[in-house]
C-alpha atoms as a PDB file:
ATOM      1  CA  MET A   1     125.855  83.741 103.622  1.00  0.00           C
ATOM      2  CA  TYR A   2     123.210  81.166 102.785  1.00  0.00           C
ATOM      3  CA  LEU A   3     119.711  81.773 102.145  1.00  0.00           C
ATOM      4  CA  LYS A   4     118.396  80.639 105.423  1.00  0.00           C
ATOM      5  CA  GLU A   5     121.093  82.641 107.706  1.00  0.00           C
ATOM      6  CA  VAL A   6     119.552  85.757 106.039  1.00  0.00           C
ATOM      7  CA  VAL A   7     115.825  84.310 106.665  1.00  0.00           C
ATOM      8  CA  ASP A   8     116.649  83.582 109.871  1.00  0.00           C
ATOM      9  CA  LEU A   9     118.764  86.610 111.310  1.00  0.00           C
ATOM     10  CA  LEU A  10     116.029  88.927 109.527  1.00  0.00           C
ATOM     11  CA  ASP A  11     112.692  86.293 110.660  1.00  0.00           C
ATOM     12  CA  ALA A  12     111.365  86.489 107.381  1.00  0.00           C
ATOM     13  CA  ARG A  13     109.293  84.916 105.815  1.00  0.00           C
ATOM     14  CA  VAL A  14     109.692  82.824 102.477  1.00  0.00           C
ATOM     15  CA  LEU A  15     107.043  83.713  99.517  1.00  0.00           C
ATOM     16  CA  THR A  16     107.888  81.039  96.686  1.00  0.00           C
ATOM     17  CA  GLU A  17     107.882  77.830  96.847  1.00  0.00           C
ATOM     18  CA  SER A  18     111.018  76.194  95.995  1.00  0.00           C
ATOM     19  CA  SER A  19     113.141  78.232  97.691  1.00  0.00           C
ATOM     20  CA  ASN A  20     116.877  76.815  98.344  1.00  0.00           C
ATOM     21  CA  PRO A  21     117.656  77.334 101.921  1.00  0.00           C
ATOM     22  CA  ASP A  22     121.244  76.772 100.891  1.00  0.00           C
ATOM     23  CA  LEU A  23     121.822  79.292  98.569  1.00  0.00           C
ATOM     24  CA  GLU A  24     124.770  81.444  98.403  1.00  0.00           C
ATOM     25  CA  LEU A  25     124.034  85.282  98.853  1.00  0.00           C
ATOM     26  CA  ASN A  26     127.247  86.936  98.774  1.00  0.00           C
ATOM     27  CA  SER A  27     126.333  90.936  98.550  1.00  0.00           C
ATOM     28  CA  ALA A  28     122.753  92.583  98.770  1.00  0.00           C
ATOM     29  CA  PHE A  29     121.884  96.404  97.316  1.00  0.00           C
ATOM     30  CA  SER A  30     119.065  98.256  98.523  1.00  0.00           C
ATOM     31  CA  SER A  31     117.183 100.898  96.438  1.00  0.00           C
ATOM     32  CA  ASP A  32     113.632 101.245  95.020  1.00  0.00           C
ATOM     33  CA  MET A  33     114.733 103.639  91.496  1.00  0.00           C
ATOM     34  CA  LEU A  34     115.395 100.068  88.967  1.00  0.00           C
ATOM     35  CA  SER A  35     117.497 101.997  86.865  1.00  0.00           C
ATOM     36  CA  HIS A  36     119.934 101.540  90.033  1.00  0.00           C
ATOM     37  CA  VAL A  37     119.488  97.931  89.877  1.00  0.00           C
ATOM     38  CA  LEU A  38     119.794  98.366  86.235  1.00  0.00           C
ATOM     39  CA  ALA A  39     123.341 100.062  86.560  1.00  0.00           C
ATOM     40  CA  TYR A  40     124.544  98.882  90.143  1.00  0.00           C
ATOM     41  CA  SER A  41     123.269  95.393  91.443  1.00  0.00           C
ATOM     42  CA  ASN A  42     124.679  91.602  90.370  1.00  0.00           C
ATOM     43  CA  ASP A  43     124.578  87.756  90.233  1.00  0.00           C
ATOM     44  CA  LYS A  44     124.344  85.910  93.857  1.00  0.00           C
ATOM     45  CA  SER A  45     123.303  89.399  95.310  1.00  0.00           C
ATOM     46  CA  ILE A  46     120.488  90.172  96.752  1.00  0.00           C
ATOM     47  CA  LEU A  47     117.110  93.243  95.702  1.00  0.00           C
ATOM     48  CA  ILE A  48     116.247  94.100  99.381  1.00  0.00           C
ATOM     49  CA  THR A  49     113.401  97.079  98.082  1.00  0.00           C
ATOM     50  CA  ALA A  50     109.830  98.729  98.739  1.00  0.00           C
ATOM     51  CA  LEU A  51     109.441  98.496  95.965  1.00  0.00           C
ATOM     52  CA  TYR A  52     106.323  95.178  95.308  1.00  0.00           C
ATOM     53  CA  ASN A  53     105.710  94.892  91.788  1.00  0.00           C
ATOM     54  CA  PRO A  54     106.394  92.702  88.579  1.00  0.00           C
ATOM     55  CA  GLN A  55     109.268  95.432  87.269  1.00  0.00           C
ATOM     56  CA  VAL A  56     111.351  94.608  90.152  1.00  0.00           C
ATOM     57  CA  LEU A  57     110.933  90.639  89.973  1.00  0.00           C
ATOM     58  CA  ARG A  58     111.943  91.187  85.633  1.00  0.00           C
ATOM     59  CA  THR A  59     114.608  93.273  86.440  1.00  0.00           C
ATOM     60  CA  ALA A  60     115.749  91.125  88.562  1.00  0.00           C
ATOM     61  CA  ASP A  61     115.822  88.499  86.578  1.00  0.00           C
ATOM     62  CA  LEU A  62     117.413  90.308  84.051  1.00  0.00           C
ATOM     63  CA  MET A  63     120.034  90.302  85.879  1.00  0.00           C
ATOM     64  CA  GLY A  64     120.738  87.459  87.711  1.00  0.00           C
ATOM     65  CA  ILE A  65     119.037  88.494  91.492  1.00  0.00           C
ATOM     66  CA  SER A  66     117.938  85.335  92.533  1.00  0.00           C
ATOM     67  CA  CYS A  67     116.823  86.766  95.643  1.00  0.00           C
ATOM     68  CA  VAL A  68     114.440  89.038  96.310  1.00  0.00           C
ATOM     69  CA  ILE A  69     113.728  91.156  99.430  1.00  0.00           C
ATOM     70  CA  PHE A  70     110.394  92.920 100.714  1.00  0.00           C
ATOM     71  CA  ILE A  71     110.293  95.349 102.636  1.00  0.00           C
ATOM     72  CA  GLY A  72     107.817  96.695 105.565  1.00  0.00           C
ATOM     73  CA  ARG A  73     104.353  94.599 106.057  1.00  0.00           C
ATOM     74  CA  ASN A  74     102.599  95.212 102.933  1.00  0.00           C
ATOM     75  CA  GLU A  75     101.187  91.484 101.042  1.00  0.00           C
ATOM     76  CA  PRO A  76     101.992  91.141  98.169  1.00  0.00           C
ATOM     77  CA  ASP A  77     100.075  90.367  95.342  1.00  0.00           C
ATOM     78  CA  PRO A  78      99.653  86.427  95.209  1.00  0.00           C
ATOM     79  CA  ALA A  79     100.402  87.203  91.036  1.00  0.00           C
ATOM     80  CA  LEU A  80     103.599  88.296  92.225  1.00  0.00           C
ATOM     81  CA  ILE A  81     104.364  85.681  94.186  1.00  0.00           C
ATOM     82  CA  LYS A  82     103.292  83.394  90.589  1.00  0.00           C
ATOM     83  CA  LEU A  83     105.453  85.230  88.831  1.00  0.00           C
ATOM     84  CA  ALA A  84     108.526  85.018  91.090  1.00  0.00           C
ATOM     85  CA  ASN A  85     107.302  81.102  91.080  1.00  0.00           C
ATOM     86  CA  SER A  86     107.583  81.526  87.199  1.00  0.00           C
ATOM     87  CA  LEU A  87     111.689  83.244  86.784  1.00  0.00           C
ATOM     88  CA  GLY A  88     112.785  80.899  89.620  1.00  0.00           C
ATOM     89  CA  LEU A  89     113.451  84.176  91.786  1.00  0.00           C
ATOM     90  CA  THR A  90     112.680  83.902  95.461  1.00  0.00           C
ATOM     91  CA  ILE A  91     111.104  86.423  97.267  1.00  0.00           C
ATOM     92  CA  ILE A  92     111.228  87.210 100.931  1.00  0.00           C
ATOM     93  CA  GLN A  93     109.719  89.818 103.394  1.00  0.00           C
ATOM     94  CA  SER A  94     111.347  91.888 106.299  1.00  0.00           C
ATOM     95  CA  PRO A  95     108.819  92.667 108.791  1.00  0.00           C
ATOM     96  CA  TYR A  96     111.189  95.683 109.415  1.00  0.00           C
ATOM     97  CA  SER A  97     112.489  99.248 107.394  1.00  0.00           C
ATOM     98  CA  MET A  98     115.337  99.528 104.899  1.00  0.00           C
ATOM     99  CA  TYR A  99     117.149 100.795 107.345  1.00  0.00           C
ATOM    100  CA  VAL A 100     117.347  98.209 109.626  1.00  0.00           C
ATOM    101  CA  THR A 101     116.705  95.295 107.390  1.00  0.00           C
ATOM    102  CA  CYS A 102     120.528  96.346 105.300  1.00  0.00           C
ATOM    103  CA  GLY A 103     122.139  97.673 109.181  1.00  0.00           C
ATOM    104  CA  LEU A 104     121.218  93.478 110.498  1.00  0.00           C
ATOM    105  CA  LEU A 105     122.737  92.450 106.755  1.00  0.00           C
ATOM    106  CA  PHE A 106     125.697  94.324 106.908  1.00  0.00           C
ATOM    107  CA  SER A 107     126.085  93.665 110.381  1.00  0.00           C
ATOM    108  CA  HIS A 108     126.386  90.515 110.408  1.00  0.00           C
ATOM    109  CA  GLY A 109     129.419  90.318 107.485  1.00  0.00           C
ATOM    110  CA  LEU A 110     127.496  90.608 103.728  1.00  0.00           C
ATOM    111  CA  GLN A 111     129.309  93.316 101.747  1.00  0.00           C
ATOM    112  CA  GLY A 112     127.419  95.763  99.377  1.00  0.00           C
ATOM    113  CA  THR A 113     127.832  95.131  96.436  1.00  0.00           C
ATOM    114  CA  PHE A 114     130.151  98.593  95.111  1.00  0.00           C
ATOM    115  CA  GLN A 115     133.434  97.908  95.494  1.00  0.00           C
ATOM    116  CA  ASP A 116     134.190 101.042  96.475  1.00  0.00           C
ATOM    117  CA  GLU A 117     132.374  99.956  99.535  1.00  0.00           C
ATOM    118  CA  GLN A 118     134.458  96.806 101.087  1.00  0.00           C
ATOM    119  CA  LYS A 119     137.757  99.736 100.471  1.00  0.00           C
ATOM    120  CA  GLY A 120     135.547 102.243 102.907  1.00  0.00           C
ATOM    121  CA  ARG A 121     135.553 104.812 100.497  1.00  0.00           C
END
């Protein structure tokens, strides 16, 4: 799935400046626990979270995650967007809950990051 498809599907707003609409995203992972992000995420994946803080972006950068989806209607601090721009991360904001955001992506074919999820286990 490409970033432009994700944005359209979620009625999302792109918050960063240099987002590539043709960015290929192969899987998604949702968590508000950074230890889980460190353990289970991979590159070309999307991190879906309700945590609007710099540690989320630094963790995503460390793990090679290129797209972070913030869920809900909170407005991120401008410093957070500036940090994402400096790290080369794409941030989008979904107006939906985490449950609906994940469900929409999954129902349109985006895989989870766990190998066993693809096998139905």
